[in-house]
Amino acid sequence: MNEEFVTFQRFSNMAEALELLAILKDNSIAYSFEDNSPSNFHVTFIRNEFENDFRVKLKPSDFEKADLLLQQIYAEQINAV
C-alpha cells in the first residue's frame, strides 16, 4: 500500500521549516514540503509573516520515528545548555 503524505508540522517561518527538512533528510525520513503562503504581493505592500503557511508532510508510518528523533535532538540541546 502506498501511503500519502500528511501534515506533520506547520510553520510560519521558512528557516524553521528548512531546519526540520534538513533533519529529516539527514535521517533518511521521506518528506514533502508545501508552501501555502499567500502571494508575495499585497495591496498594502505589508506582508505579515504570520500569514505564511509552510507545511512539512510525512507518511503516517514515519510520524513516530520523526517524533522520537526530534525528542532526542531537543534533549541533547537542553543538556548542552
C-alpha atoms as a PDB file:
ATOM      1  CA  MET A   1       0.000   0.000   0.000  1.00  0.00           C
ATOM      2  CA  ASN A   2       1.325   3.425  -0.951  1.00  0.00           C
ATOM      3  CA  GLU A   3       0.881   5.927   1.866  1.00  0.00           C
ATOM      4  CA  GLU A   4       0.127   9.558   1.160  1.00  0.00           C
ATOM      5  CA  PHE A   5       1.979  12.361   2.879  1.00  0.00           C
ATOM      6  CA  VAL A   6       0.023  14.180   5.579  1.00  0.00           C
ATOM      7  CA  THR A   7       0.886  17.298   7.571  1.00  0.00           C
ATOM      8  CA  PHE A   8       3.354  16.615  10.376  1.00  0.00           C
ATOM      9  CA  GLN A   9       4.185  20.218  11.332  1.00  0.00           C
ATOM     10  CA  ARG A  10       3.248  23.708  10.164  1.00  0.00           C
ATOM     11  CA  PHE A  11       5.465  26.785  10.299  1.00  0.00           C
ATOM     12  CA  SER A  12       5.101  30.490   9.674  1.00  0.00           C
ATOM     13  CA  ASN A  13       8.891  30.845   9.411  1.00  0.00           C
ATOM     14  CA  MET A  14      10.662  29.336   6.395  1.00  0.00           C
ATOM     15  CA  ALA A  15      14.015  28.954   8.210  1.00  0.00           C
ATOM     16  CA  GLU A  16      12.405  26.793  10.906  1.00  0.00           C
ATOM     17  CA  ALA A  17      10.739  24.615   8.292  1.00  0.00           C
ATOM     18  CA  LEU A  18      14.032  24.192   6.410  1.00  0.00           C
ATOM     19  CA  GLU A  19      15.768  23.194   9.644  1.00  0.00           C
ATOM     20  CA  LEU A  20      13.286  20.354  10.114  1.00  0.00           C
ATOM     21  CA  LEU A  21      13.654  19.311   6.469  1.00  0.00           C
ATOM     22  CA  ALA A  22      17.440  19.057   6.910  1.00  0.00           C
ATOM     23  CA  ILE A  23      16.993  16.847   9.989  1.00  0.00           C
ATOM     24  CA  LEU A  24      14.565  14.588   8.144  1.00  0.00           C
ATOM     25  CA  LYS A  25      16.852  14.351   5.119  1.00  0.00           C
ATOM     26  CA  ASP A  26      19.912  13.571   7.273  1.00  0.00           C
ATOM     27  CA  ASN A  27      17.953  10.738   8.886  1.00  0.00           C
ATOM     28  CA  SER A  28      16.502   9.314   5.665  1.00  0.00           C
ATOM     29  CA  ILE A  29      12.894  10.139   6.503  1.00  0.00           C
ATOM     30  CA  ALA A  30      10.888  10.812   3.345  1.00  0.00           C
ATOM     31  CA  TYR A  31       9.003  14.090   3.364  1.00  0.00           C
ATOM     32  CA  SER A  32       7.022  16.514   1.276  1.00  0.00           C
ATOM     33  CA  PHE A  33       7.109  20.294   1.636  1.00  0.00           C
ATOM     34  CA  GLU A  34       4.308  22.701   0.763  1.00  0.00           C
ATOM     35  CA  ASP A  35       4.326  26.480   0.738  1.00  0.00           C
ATOM     36  CA  ASN A  36       0.684  27.500   1.163  1.00  0.00           C
ATOM     37  CA  SER A  37       1.543  31.112   1.927  1.00  0.00           C
ATOM     38  CA  PRO A  38      -0.404  33.857   0.229  1.00  0.00           C
ATOM     39  CA  SER A  39       1.180  35.572  -2.744  1.00  0.00           C
ATOM     40  CA  ASN A  40       4.109  37.893  -2.009  1.00  0.00           C
ATOM     41  CA  PHE A  41       2.134  40.782  -3.438  1.00  0.00           C
ATOM     42  CA  HIS A  42      -0.201  42.507  -1.028  1.00  0.00           C
ATOM     43  CA  VAL A  43      -2.281  45.575  -1.880  1.00  0.00           C
ATOM     44  CA  THR A  44      -0.991  47.444   1.181  1.00  0.00           C
ATOM     45  CA  PHE A  45       2.600  46.341   0.484  1.00  0.00           C
ATOM     46  CA  ILE A  46       2.686  44.980   4.024  1.00  0.00           C
ATOM     47  CA  ARG A  47       3.415  41.300   4.463  1.00  0.00           C
ATOM     48  CA  ASN A  48       2.694  39.679   7.792  1.00  0.00           C
ATOM     49  CA  GLU A  49       4.971  36.694   8.478  1.00  0.00           C
ATOM     50  CA  PHE A  50       2.178  35.043  10.449  1.00  0.00           C
ATOM     51  CA  GLU A  51       0.236  34.688   7.202  1.00  0.00           C
ATOM     52  CA  ASN A  52       2.922  32.276   5.960  1.00  0.00           C
ATOM     53  CA  ASP A  53       1.964  28.626   5.920  1.00  0.00           C
ATOM     54  CA  PHE A  54       4.798  26.163   5.334  1.00  0.00           C
ATOM     55  CA  ARG A  55       3.859  22.505   5.801  1.00  0.00           C
ATOM     56  CA  VAL A  56       6.191  19.591   6.344  1.00  0.00           C
ATOM     57  CA  LYS A  57       4.408  16.384   5.450  1.00  0.00           C
ATOM     58  CA  LEU A  58       5.364  12.820   6.285  1.00  0.00           C
ATOM     59  CA  LYS A  59       3.921   9.407   5.730  1.00  0.00           C
ATOM     60  CA  PRO A  60       1.854   8.497   8.799  1.00  0.00           C
ATOM     61  CA  SER A  61       4.068   5.464   9.422  1.00  0.00           C
ATOM     62  CA  ASP A  62       7.062   7.824   9.896  1.00  0.00           C
ATOM     63  CA  PHE A  63       5.417  10.108  12.479  1.00  0.00           C
ATOM     64  CA  GLU A  64       6.634   8.133  15.491  1.00  0.00           C
ATOM     65  CA  LYS A  65      10.181   7.851  14.116  1.00  0.00           C
ATOM     66  CA  ALA A  66      10.305  11.603  13.465  1.00  0.00           C
ATOM     67  CA  ASP A  67       8.844  12.419  16.896  1.00  0.00           C
ATOM     68  CA  LEU A  68      11.440  10.253  18.654  1.00  0.00           C
ATOM     69  CA  LEU A  69      14.228  11.803  16.591  1.00  0.00           C
ATOM     70  CA  LEU A  70      13.123  15.346  17.447  1.00  0.00           C
ATOM     71  CA  GLN A  71      12.776  14.472  21.149  1.00  0.00           C
ATOM     72  CA  GLN A  72      16.334  13.140  21.109  1.00  0.00           C
ATOM     73  CA  ILE A  73      17.657  16.284  19.387  1.00  0.00           C
ATOM     74  CA  TYR A  74      15.810  18.590  21.796  1.00  0.00           C
ATOM     75  CA  ALA A  75      17.078  16.624  24.830  1.00  0.00           C
ATOM     76  CA  GLU A  76      20.655  16.959  23.533  1.00  0.00           C
ATOM     77  CA  GLN A  77      20.168  20.707  23.052  1.00  0.00           C
ATOM     78  CA  ILE A  78      18.805  21.095  26.596  1.00  0.00           C
ATOM     79  CA  ASN A  79      21.687  19.084  28.064  1.00  0.00           C
ATOM     80  CA  ALA A  80      24.174  21.250  26.167  1.00  0.00           C
ATOM     81  CA  VAL A  81      22.948  24.381  27.981  1.00  0.00           C
END
